[in-house]
Amino acid sequence: MAVLTLHADRLHHNFNTLDKLFRASGADWSIVTKILCGHKQFTAEVMSTGLKAFCDSRISNIKTVRSIDPDTLRIYIKPPPKRWVKSVVKNCHISFNSEFKTVEWLSEAAVEANVNHGVLVMVEGGDLREGVTSTRVLLQLCDSIARLPNITLVGIGTNFNCLTGVLP
């Protein structure tokens, strides 16, 4: 049986080391909490580092972050299927997307919930994992997203070397 051991002292040391590096470069950063599988005690320990943004691809894990601190920035790191858009809007401040139709669904859910939802548009980086594949499509998509109610275009992003190791 697999066992996950969290060494709080090492976690905090690594956090402080990374935080100094990123801050020295003027960069904000976040952590992906998928490996914690929504385990409340481990999630709380990671959140105790002081990091203010948490990313995950599972709504259940994001709900754990929200239950510990509802003000923590929560980011859904994959495009949601239609049946999950209401939950994504309710539980996440931002989601990664590359299809206009999905962002339209998010807009409808955000209007219904009377909240604003941030969208980070993903650009394909060579792994053929997800994202917009041309500059023309990217510009059109961003322009269309910027016109939707209750949606804020927060930026663009890409994913490198996650799935196949193809160099970007």
N, C-alpha and C. Protein backbone atom coordinates (compact mmCIF):
# COMPACT_ATOMS: atom_id res chain seq x y z
N MET A 1 0.83 -1.17 0.00
CA MET A 1 0.00 0.00 0.00
C MET A 1 0.89 1.25 0.00
N ALA A 2 0.53 2.20 -0.81
CA ALA A 2 1.29 3.44 -0.89
C ALA A 2 1.05 4.30 0.34
N VAL A 3 2.09 4.95 0.79
CA VAL A 3 2.01 5.82 1.96
C VAL A 3 2.62 7.17 1.59
N LEU A 4 1.94 8.23 1.96
CA LEU A 4 2.44 9.58 1.74
C LEU A 4 2.80 10.16 3.10
N THR A 5 4.06 10.53 3.25
CA THR A 5 4.52 11.14 4.49
C THR A 5 4.86 12.59 4.21
N LEU A 6 4.33 13.48 5.01
CA LEU A 6 4.61 14.89 4.86
C LEU A 6 5.56 15.32 5.97
N HIS A 7 6.73 15.80 5.59
CA HIS A 7 7.71 16.31 6.54
C HIS A 7 7.56 17.83 6.58
N ALA A 8 6.86 18.32 7.59
CA ALA A 8 6.53 19.74 7.65
C ALA A 8 7.77 20.63 7.63
N ASP A 9 8.82 20.24 8.32
CA ASP A 9 10.03 21.06 8.35
C ASP A 9 10.64 21.18 6.94
N ARG A 10 10.66 20.09 6.20
CA ARG A 10 11.20 20.13 4.82
C ARG A 10 10.30 20.93 3.89
N LEU A 11 9.00 20.75 4.09
CA LEU A 11 8.04 21.51 3.29
C LEU A 11 8.26 23.01 3.46
N HIS A 12 8.36 23.46 4.70
CA HIS A 12 8.54 24.89 4.97
C HIS A 12 9.89 25.39 4.48
N HIS A 13 10.94 24.58 4.63
CA HIS A 13 12.25 24.95 4.10
C HIS A 13 12.18 25.13 2.58
N ASN A 14 11.60 24.16 1.90
CA ASN A 14 11.49 24.23 0.43
C ASN A 14 10.63 25.42 0.01
N PHE A 15 9.53 25.63 0.72
CA PHE A 15 8.67 26.77 0.41
C PHE A 15 9.46 28.08 0.53
N ASN A 16 10.16 28.25 1.65
CA ASN A 16 10.91 29.50 1.86
C ASN A 16 11.99 29.69 0.80
N THR A 17 12.66 28.62 0.41
CA THR A 17 13.69 28.71 -0.63
C THR A 17 13.08 29.15 -1.96
N LEU A 18 11.99 28.49 -2.37
CA LEU A 18 11.33 28.85 -3.62
C LEU A 18 10.74 30.26 -3.56
N ASP A 19 10.14 30.60 -2.44
CA ASP A 19 9.51 31.90 -2.31
C ASP A 19 10.54 33.02 -2.49
N LYS A 20 11.72 32.87 -1.89
CA LYS A 20 12.78 33.87 -2.04
C LYS A 20 13.21 33.99 -3.50
N LEU A 21 13.36 32.86 -4.18
CA LEU A 21 13.76 32.89 -5.60
C LEU A 21 12.73 33.58 -6.47
N PHE A 22 11.47 33.21 -6.30
CA PHE A 22 10.41 33.81 -7.12
C PHE A 22 10.23 35.29 -6.82
N ARG A 23 10.22 35.64 -5.55
CA ARG A 23 10.03 37.05 -5.17
C ARG A 23 11.19 37.91 -5.66
N ALA A 24 12.42 37.37 -5.64
CA ALA A 24 13.58 38.11 -6.14
C ALA A 24 13.44 38.42 -7.63
N SER A 25 12.67 37.58 -8.33
CA SER A 25 12.42 37.79 -9.76
C SER A 25 11.14 38.57 -10.00
N GLY A 26 10.45 38.93 -8.93
CA GLY A 26 9.19 39.67 -9.07
C GLY A 26 8.03 38.80 -9.51
N ALA A 27 8.15 37.49 -9.29
CA ALA A 27 7.12 36.56 -9.76
C ALA A 27 6.22 36.12 -8.61
N ASP A 28 4.92 36.05 -8.90
CA ASP A 28 3.98 35.41 -7.99
C ASP A 28 3.93 33.93 -8.39
N TRP A 29 3.61 33.08 -7.44
CA TRP A 29 3.58 31.66 -7.76
C TRP A 29 2.51 30.96 -6.96
N SER A 30 2.24 29.74 -7.37
CA SER A 30 1.23 28.93 -6.71
C SER A 30 1.72 27.49 -6.68
N ILE A 31 0.95 26.66 -6.01
CA ILE A 31 1.31 25.26 -5.89
C ILE A 31 0.15 24.40 -6.39
N VAL A 32 0.49 23.28 -7.01
CA VAL A 32 -0.52 22.31 -7.44
C VAL A 32 -0.61 21.26 -6.33
N THR A 33 -1.84 21.07 -5.84
CA THR A 33 -2.04 20.22 -4.65
C THR A 33 -2.60 18.84 -4.98
N LYS A 34 -2.53 18.41 -6.24
CA LYS A 34 -3.16 17.14 -6.62
C LYS A 34 -2.69 15.96 -5.78
N ILE A 35 -1.41 15.91 -5.47
CA ILE A 35 -0.86 14.75 -4.76
C ILE A 35 -1.47 14.59 -3.36
N LEU A 36 -2.02 15.66 -2.81
CA LEU A 36 -2.59 15.60 -1.46
C LEU A 36 -3.97 14.94 -1.44
N CYS A 37 -4.60 14.82 -2.61
CA CYS A 37 -5.89 14.15 -2.75
C CYS A 37 -6.96 14.68 -1.78
N GLY A 38 -6.88 15.96 -1.47
CA GLY A 38 -7.89 16.56 -0.60
C GLY A 38 -7.75 16.20 0.87
N HIS A 39 -6.63 15.59 1.25
CA HIS A 39 -6.41 15.22 2.65
C HIS A 39 -6.33 16.51 3.46
N LYS A 40 -7.27 16.70 4.37
CA LYS A 40 -7.43 18.00 5.05
C LYS A 40 -6.19 18.39 5.87
N GLN A 41 -5.62 17.46 6.62
CA GLN A 41 -4.47 17.78 7.47
C GLN A 41 -3.26 18.17 6.61
N PHE A 42 -2.99 17.42 5.55
CA PHE A 42 -1.85 17.74 4.68
C PHE A 42 -2.09 19.06 3.96
N THR A 43 -3.32 19.25 3.48
CA THR A 43 -3.64 20.49 2.78
C THR A 43 -3.47 21.68 3.71
N ALA A 44 -3.93 21.57 4.93
CA ALA A 44 -3.78 22.65 5.91
C ALA A 44 -2.30 22.95 6.17
N GLU A 45 -1.49 21.92 6.24
CA GLU A 45 -0.04 22.13 6.47
C GLU A 45 0.59 22.88 5.30
N VAL A 46 0.24 22.48 4.09
CA VAL A 46 0.77 23.18 2.91
C VAL A 46 0.28 24.63 2.90
N MET A 47 -0.98 24.83 3.25
CA MET A 47 -1.52 26.19 3.28
C MET A 47 -0.87 27.03 4.37
N SER A 48 -0.36 26.40 5.42
CA SER A 48 0.28 27.14 6.51
C SER A 48 1.60 27.78 6.09
N THR A 49 2.10 27.46 4.92
CA THR A 49 3.33 28.08 4.42
C THR A 49 3.13 29.56 4.14
N GLY A 50 1.89 29.97 3.95
CA GLY A 50 1.60 31.37 3.65
C GLY A 50 1.35 31.61 2.18
N LEU A 51 1.52 30.60 1.36
CA LEU A 51 1.23 30.74 -0.06
C LEU A 51 -0.24 31.10 -0.24
N LYS A 52 -0.53 31.98 -1.17
CA LYS A 52 -1.88 32.52 -1.31
C LYS A 52 -2.65 31.99 -2.52
N ALA A 53 -2.06 31.08 -3.30
CA ALA A 53 -2.75 30.55 -4.48
C ALA A 53 -2.51 29.05 -4.58
N PHE A 54 -3.61 28.32 -4.79
CA PHE A 54 -3.53 26.86 -4.88
C PHE A 54 -4.25 26.38 -6.13
N CYS A 55 -3.62 25.45 -6.82
CA CYS A 55 -4.13 24.94 -8.09
C CYS A 55 -4.43 23.45 -7.96
N ASP A 56 -5.47 23.02 -8.68
CA ASP A 56 -5.77 21.60 -8.69
C ASP A 56 -6.64 21.28 -9.90
N SER A 57 -6.66 20.01 -10.27
CA SER A 57 -7.51 19.56 -11.37
C SER A 57 -8.72 18.79 -10.86
N ARG A 58 -8.87 18.75 -9.54
CA ARG A 58 -10.02 18.06 -8.95
C ARG A 58 -10.79 19.03 -8.06
N ILE A 59 -12.07 19.17 -8.35
CA ILE A 59 -12.93 20.07 -7.58
C ILE A 59 -12.96 19.65 -6.11
N SER A 60 -12.97 18.35 -5.85
CA SER A 60 -13.03 17.90 -4.45
C SER A 60 -11.82 18.40 -3.66
N ASN A 61 -10.66 18.44 -4.27
CA ASN A 61 -9.46 18.94 -3.59
C ASN A 61 -9.56 20.45 -3.38
N ILE A 62 -10.10 21.15 -4.36
CA ILE A 62 -10.27 22.60 -4.24
C ILE A 62 -11.27 22.93 -3.13
N LYS A 63 -12.29 22.10 -3.00
CA LYS A 63 -13.26 22.31 -1.91
C LYS A 63 -12.58 22.19 -0.55
N THR A 64 -11.60 21.31 -0.44
CA THR A 64 -10.86 21.19 0.82
C THR A 64 -10.11 22.48 1.11
N VAL A 65 -9.43 23.02 0.11
CA VAL A 65 -8.73 24.30 0.28
C VAL A 65 -9.73 25.38 0.71
N ARG A 66 -10.86 25.43 0.03
CA ARG A 66 -11.88 26.43 0.34
C ARG A 66 -12.41 26.28 1.77
N SER A 67 -12.57 25.04 2.22
CA SER A 67 -13.09 24.82 3.58
C SER A 67 -12.10 25.27 4.65
N ILE A 68 -10.82 25.21 4.34
CA ILE A 68 -9.79 25.63 5.30
C ILE A 68 -9.68 27.16 5.32
N ASP A 69 -9.68 27.77 4.13
CA ASP A 69 -9.60 29.23 4.05
C ASP A 69 -10.33 29.70 2.80
N PRO A 70 -11.56 30.19 2.96
CA PRO A 70 -12.36 30.59 1.80
C PRO A 70 -11.78 31.76 1.01
N ASP A 71 -10.83 32.49 1.58
CA ASP A 71 -10.25 33.63 0.88
C ASP A 71 -9.04 33.28 0.03
N THR A 72 -8.54 32.06 0.15
CA THR A 72 -7.38 31.62 -0.62
C THR A 72 -7.73 31.53 -2.10
N LEU A 73 -6.85 32.04 -2.95
CA LEU A 73 -7.05 31.98 -4.39
C LEU A 73 -7.01 30.53 -4.85
N ARG A 74 -8.08 30.10 -5.53
CA ARG A 74 -8.19 28.72 -5.99
C ARG A 74 -8.30 28.70 -7.52
N ILE A 75 -7.45 27.86 -8.14
CA ILE A 75 -7.35 27.83 -9.59
C ILE A 75 -7.56 26.40 -10.09
N TYR A 76 -8.53 26.25 -10.99
CA TYR A 76 -8.82 24.95 -11.61
C TYR A 76 -7.97 24.85 -12.87
N ILE A 77 -7.11 23.85 -12.93
CA ILE A 77 -6.07 23.83 -13.95
C ILE A 77 -6.37 22.94 -15.15
N LYS A 78 -7.64 22.76 -15.44
CA LYS A 78 -8.01 22.09 -16.69
C LYS A 78 -9.36 22.63 -17.14
N PRO A 79 -9.65 22.54 -18.41
CA PRO A 79 -10.95 23.03 -18.87
C PRO A 79 -12.06 22.15 -18.31
N PRO A 80 -13.08 22.75 -17.71
CA PRO A 80 -14.14 21.93 -17.11
C PRO A 80 -15.14 21.45 -18.16
N PRO A 81 -15.66 20.24 -17.99
CA PRO A 81 -16.77 19.82 -18.84
C PRO A 81 -18.02 20.62 -18.44
N LYS A 82 -18.99 20.67 -19.33
CA LYS A 82 -20.18 21.48 -19.10
C LYS A 82 -20.85 21.17 -17.76
N ARG A 83 -20.92 19.90 -17.39
CA ARG A 83 -21.62 19.53 -16.16
C ARG A 83 -20.93 20.04 -14.90
N TRP A 84 -19.69 20.53 -14.99
CA TRP A 84 -18.95 20.99 -13.82
C TRP A 84 -18.79 22.51 -13.76
N VAL A 85 -19.27 23.24 -14.77
CA VAL A 85 -18.98 24.68 -14.79
C VAL A 85 -19.55 25.41 -13.57
N LYS A 86 -20.74 25.05 -13.12
CA LYS A 86 -21.31 25.72 -11.94
C LYS A 86 -20.43 25.48 -10.71
N SER A 87 -19.95 24.27 -10.55
CA SER A 87 -19.08 23.96 -9.41
C SER A 87 -17.74 24.68 -9.53
N VAL A 88 -17.22 24.78 -10.74
CA VAL A 88 -15.95 25.49 -10.95
C VAL A 88 -16.13 26.97 -10.60
N VAL A 89 -17.20 27.57 -11.06
CA VAL A 89 -17.46 28.98 -10.76
C VAL A 89 -17.66 29.18 -9.26
N LYS A 90 -18.35 28.27 -8.62
CA LYS A 90 -18.62 28.39 -7.17
C LYS A 90 -17.35 28.23 -6.34
N ASN A 91 -16.47 27.32 -6.74
CA ASN A 91 -15.33 26.95 -5.91
C ASN A 91 -13.98 27.50 -6.34
N CYS A 92 -13.90 28.05 -7.54
CA CYS A 92 -12.61 28.50 -8.07
C CYS A 92 -12.71 29.95 -8.53
N HIS A 93 -11.64 30.67 -8.33
CA HIS A 93 -11.58 32.05 -8.79
C HIS A 93 -11.17 32.13 -10.26
N ILE A 94 -10.36 31.16 -10.69
CA ILE A 94 -9.78 31.16 -12.04
C ILE A 94 -9.81 29.73 -12.57
N SER A 95 -9.95 29.59 -13.90
CA SER A 95 -9.79 28.28 -14.53
C SER A 95 -9.00 28.44 -15.82
N PHE A 96 -8.29 27.36 -16.19
CA PHE A 96 -7.52 27.31 -17.43
C PHE A 96 -8.45 26.85 -18.54
N ASN A 97 -8.45 27.55 -19.68
CA ASN A 97 -9.35 27.21 -20.78
C ASN A 97 -8.72 27.50 -22.12
N SER A 98 -9.22 26.80 -23.14
CA SER A 98 -8.74 27.06 -24.50
C SER A 98 -9.87 26.98 -25.53
N GLU A 99 -11.10 26.77 -25.09
CA GLU A 99 -12.25 26.69 -25.99
C GLU A 99 -13.26 27.77 -25.62
N PHE A 100 -13.71 28.53 -26.61
CA PHE A 100 -14.65 29.61 -26.35
C PHE A 100 -15.96 29.08 -25.77
N LYS A 101 -16.45 27.97 -26.26
CA LYS A 101 -17.73 27.44 -25.78
C LYS A 101 -17.68 27.18 -24.27
N THR A 102 -16.58 26.63 -23.80
CA THR A 102 -16.44 26.37 -22.37
C THR A 102 -16.48 27.67 -21.58
N VAL A 103 -15.82 28.70 -22.09
CA VAL A 103 -15.82 29.99 -21.39
C VAL A 103 -17.21 30.62 -21.43
N GLU A 104 -17.96 30.39 -22.50
CA GLU A 104 -19.35 30.86 -22.54
C GLU A 104 -20.17 30.20 -21.42
N TRP A 105 -19.99 28.89 -21.24
CA TRP A 105 -20.69 28.19 -20.16
C TRP A 105 -20.30 28.76 -18.80
N LEU A 106 -19.00 29.03 -18.62
CA LEU A 106 -18.53 29.62 -17.37
C LEU A 106 -19.16 31.00 -17.16
N SER A 107 -19.27 31.77 -18.22
CA SER A 107 -19.89 33.09 -18.14
C SER A 107 -21.34 32.98 -17.70
N GLU A 108 -22.08 32.06 -18.30
CA GLU A 108 -23.48 31.86 -17.93
C GLU A 108 -23.59 31.48 -16.45
N ALA A 109 -22.73 30.58 -16.00
CA ALA A 109 -22.76 30.16 -14.60
C ALA A 109 -22.35 31.30 -13.67
N ALA A 110 -21.40 32.11 -14.08
CA ALA A 110 -20.96 33.25 -13.26
C ALA A 110 -22.05 34.31 -13.16
N VAL A 111 -22.75 34.55 -14.27
CA VAL A 111 -23.86 35.51 -14.24
C VAL A 111 -24.94 35.00 -13.29
N GLU A 112 -25.27 33.73 -13.40
CA GLU A 112 -26.29 33.13 -12.54
C GLU A 112 -25.91 33.21 -11.07
N ALA A 113 -24.62 33.01 -10.78
CA ALA A 113 -24.15 33.04 -9.39
C ALA A 113 -23.81 34.46 -8.92
N ASN A 114 -23.88 35.42 -9.83
CA ASN A 114 -23.56 36.81 -9.53
C ASN A 114 -22.13 36.96 -8.98
N VAL A 115 -21.19 36.29 -9.66
CA VAL A 115 -19.77 36.38 -9.31
C VAL A 115 -18.97 36.64 -10.58
N ASN A 116 -17.72 36.99 -10.40
CA ASN A 116 -16.81 37.15 -11.52
C ASN A 116 -15.86 35.95 -11.52
N HIS A 117 -15.57 35.42 -12.70
CA HIS A 117 -14.68 34.27 -12.81
C HIS A 117 -13.53 34.63 -13.75
N GLY A 118 -12.31 34.33 -13.33
CA GLY A 118 -11.13 34.59 -14.14
C GLY A 118 -10.82 33.43 -15.07
N VAL A 119 -10.35 33.78 -16.26
CA VAL A 119 -9.97 32.77 -17.25
C VAL A 119 -8.54 33.01 -17.68
N LEU A 120 -7.74 31.96 -17.63
CA LEU A 120 -6.39 31.98 -18.15
C LEU A 120 -6.42 31.12 -19.41
N VAL A 121 -6.11 31.72 -20.55
CA VAL A 121 -6.16 31.00 -21.82
C VAL A 121 -4.86 30.22 -22.01
N MET A 122 -5.02 28.94 -22.29
CA MET A 122 -3.87 28.07 -22.47
C MET A 122 -3.44 28.04 -23.94
N VAL A 123 -2.12 28.07 -24.14
CA VAL A 123 -1.50 28.03 -25.46
C VAL A 123 -0.74 26.72 -25.56
N GLU A 124 -0.90 26.02 -26.65
CA GLU A 124 -0.19 24.75 -26.88
C GLU A 124 1.31 25.01 -26.92
N GLY A 125 2.06 24.23 -26.14
CA GLY A 125 3.50 24.45 -26.03
C GLY A 125 4.35 23.37 -26.65
N GLY A 126 3.76 22.44 -27.39
CA GLY A 126 4.56 21.42 -28.06
C GLY A 126 4.28 20.01 -27.59
N ASP A 127 3.59 19.86 -26.50
CA ASP A 127 3.29 18.54 -25.95
C ASP A 127 2.00 17.95 -26.52
N LEU A 128 1.25 18.75 -27.26
CA LEU A 128 -0.05 18.37 -27.80
C LEU A 128 -0.99 17.94 -26.68
N ARG A 129 -0.91 18.65 -25.58
CA ARG A 129 -1.73 18.34 -24.41
C ARG A 129 -3.02 19.16 -24.43
N GLU A 130 -2.89 20.48 -24.53
CA GLU A 130 -4.06 21.34 -24.58
C GLU A 130 -3.61 22.72 -25.01
N GLY A 131 -4.54 23.46 -25.57
CA GLY A 131 -4.26 24.86 -25.81
C GLY A 131 -4.46 25.29 -27.25
N VAL A 132 -4.48 26.60 -27.40
CA VAL A 132 -4.63 27.25 -28.70
C VAL A 132 -3.33 27.06 -29.47
N THR A 133 -3.45 26.81 -30.78
CA THR A 133 -2.27 26.46 -31.56
C THR A 133 -1.78 27.56 -32.51
N SER A 134 -2.50 28.67 -32.61
CA SER A 134 -2.03 29.73 -33.51
C SER A 134 -2.26 31.10 -32.89
N THR A 135 -1.43 32.04 -33.28
CA THR A 135 -1.55 33.41 -32.77
C THR A 135 -2.88 34.02 -33.17
N ARG A 136 -3.30 33.78 -34.40
CA ARG A 136 -4.58 34.33 -34.87
C ARG A 136 -5.74 33.84 -34.02
N VAL A 137 -5.79 32.54 -33.75
CA VAL A 137 -6.86 31.97 -32.93
C VAL A 137 -6.76 32.51 -31.49
N LEU A 138 -5.55 32.61 -30.97
CA LEU A 138 -5.36 33.13 -29.62
C LEU A 138 -5.92 34.55 -29.50
N LEU A 139 -5.59 35.41 -30.45
CA LEU A 139 -6.07 36.80 -30.40
C LEU A 139 -7.59 36.86 -30.52
N GLN A 140 -8.15 36.06 -31.42
CA GLN A 140 -9.62 36.03 -31.57
C GLN A 140 -10.29 35.53 -30.29
N LEU A 141 -9.73 34.48 -29.72
CA LEU A 141 -10.29 33.91 -28.50
C LEU A 141 -10.24 34.92 -27.36
N CYS A 142 -9.11 35.55 -27.17
CA CYS A 142 -8.97 36.53 -26.09
C CYS A 142 -9.93 37.70 -26.28
N ASP A 143 -10.07 38.16 -27.51
CA ASP A 143 -10.99 39.26 -27.81
C ASP A 143 -12.43 38.85 -27.48
N SER A 144 -12.82 37.64 -27.86
CA SER A 144 -14.18 37.16 -27.60
C SER A 144 -14.42 36.97 -26.10
N ILE A 145 -13.44 36.43 -25.40
CA ILE A 145 -13.58 36.21 -23.96
C ILE A 145 -13.73 37.54 -23.23
N ALA A 146 -12.98 38.53 -23.64
CA ALA A 146 -13.01 39.84 -22.98
C ALA A 146 -14.39 40.50 -23.06
N ARG A 147 -15.22 40.07 -23.99
CA ARG A 147 -16.56 40.64 -24.16
C ARG A 147 -17.64 39.93 -23.34
N LEU A 148 -17.31 38.81 -22.73
CA LEU A 148 -18.31 38.03 -21.99
C LEU A 148 -18.58 38.64 -20.62
N PRO A 149 -19.85 38.60 -20.19
CA PRO A 149 -20.17 39.12 -18.86
C PRO A 149 -19.65 38.20 -17.74
N ASN A 150 -19.22 38.82 -16.66
CA ASN A 150 -18.78 38.13 -15.45
C ASN A 150 -17.55 37.25 -15.66
N ILE A 151 -16.81 37.53 -16.73
CA ILE A 151 -15.57 36.82 -17.02
C ILE A 151 -14.45 37.85 -17.12
N THR A 152 -13.32 37.57 -16.49
CA THR A 152 -12.14 38.41 -16.62
C THR A 152 -11.02 37.58 -17.23
N LEU A 153 -10.47 38.07 -18.31
CA LEU A 153 -9.31 37.42 -18.93
C LEU A 153 -8.09 37.80 -18.08
N VAL A 154 -7.55 36.83 -17.35
CA VAL A 154 -6.46 37.13 -16.41
C VAL A 154 -5.08 36.90 -17.01
N GLY A 155 -5.00 36.23 -18.17
CA GLY A 155 -3.70 36.02 -18.78
C GLY A 155 -3.69 34.83 -19.71
N ILE A 156 -2.48 34.52 -20.16
CA ILE A 156 -2.27 33.33 -20.99
C ILE A 156 -1.23 32.46 -20.30
N GLY A 157 -1.30 31.17 -20.57
CA GLY A 157 -0.36 30.25 -19.97
C GLY A 157 -0.06 29.11 -20.92
N THR A 158 0.91 28.31 -20.56
CA THR A 158 1.25 27.13 -21.35
C THR A 158 1.77 26.05 -20.41
N ASN A 159 1.86 24.84 -20.93
CA ASN A 159 2.30 23.70 -20.15
C ASN A 159 3.46 23.06 -20.90
N PHE A 160 4.61 22.99 -20.26
CA PHE A 160 5.79 22.41 -20.89
C PHE A 160 6.19 21.10 -20.23
N ASN A 161 6.52 20.12 -21.05
CA ASN A 161 7.12 18.86 -20.59
C ASN A 161 6.31 18.10 -19.54
N CYS A 162 5.01 18.16 -19.63
CA CYS A 162 4.20 17.48 -18.62
C CYS A 162 3.90 16.03 -19.00
N LEU A 163 3.56 15.81 -20.25
CA LEU A 163 3.03 14.52 -20.64
C LEU A 163 4.07 13.65 -21.35
N THR A 164 4.68 14.17 -22.41
CA THR A 164 5.54 13.33 -23.23
C THR A 164 7.00 13.72 -23.17
N GLY A 165 7.32 14.86 -22.56
CA GLY A 165 8.70 15.28 -22.50
C GLY A 165 9.22 15.93 -23.76
N VAL A 166 8.33 16.25 -24.72
CA VAL A 166 8.73 16.94 -25.94
C VAL A 166 9.25 18.32 -25.56
N LEU A 167 10.42 18.67 -26.04
CA LEU A 167 10.96 19.99 -25.73
C LEU A 167 10.17 21.06 -26.46
N PRO A 168 9.83 22.15 -25.78
CA PRO A 168 9.05 23.22 -26.42
C PRO A 168 9.86 23.94 -27.49
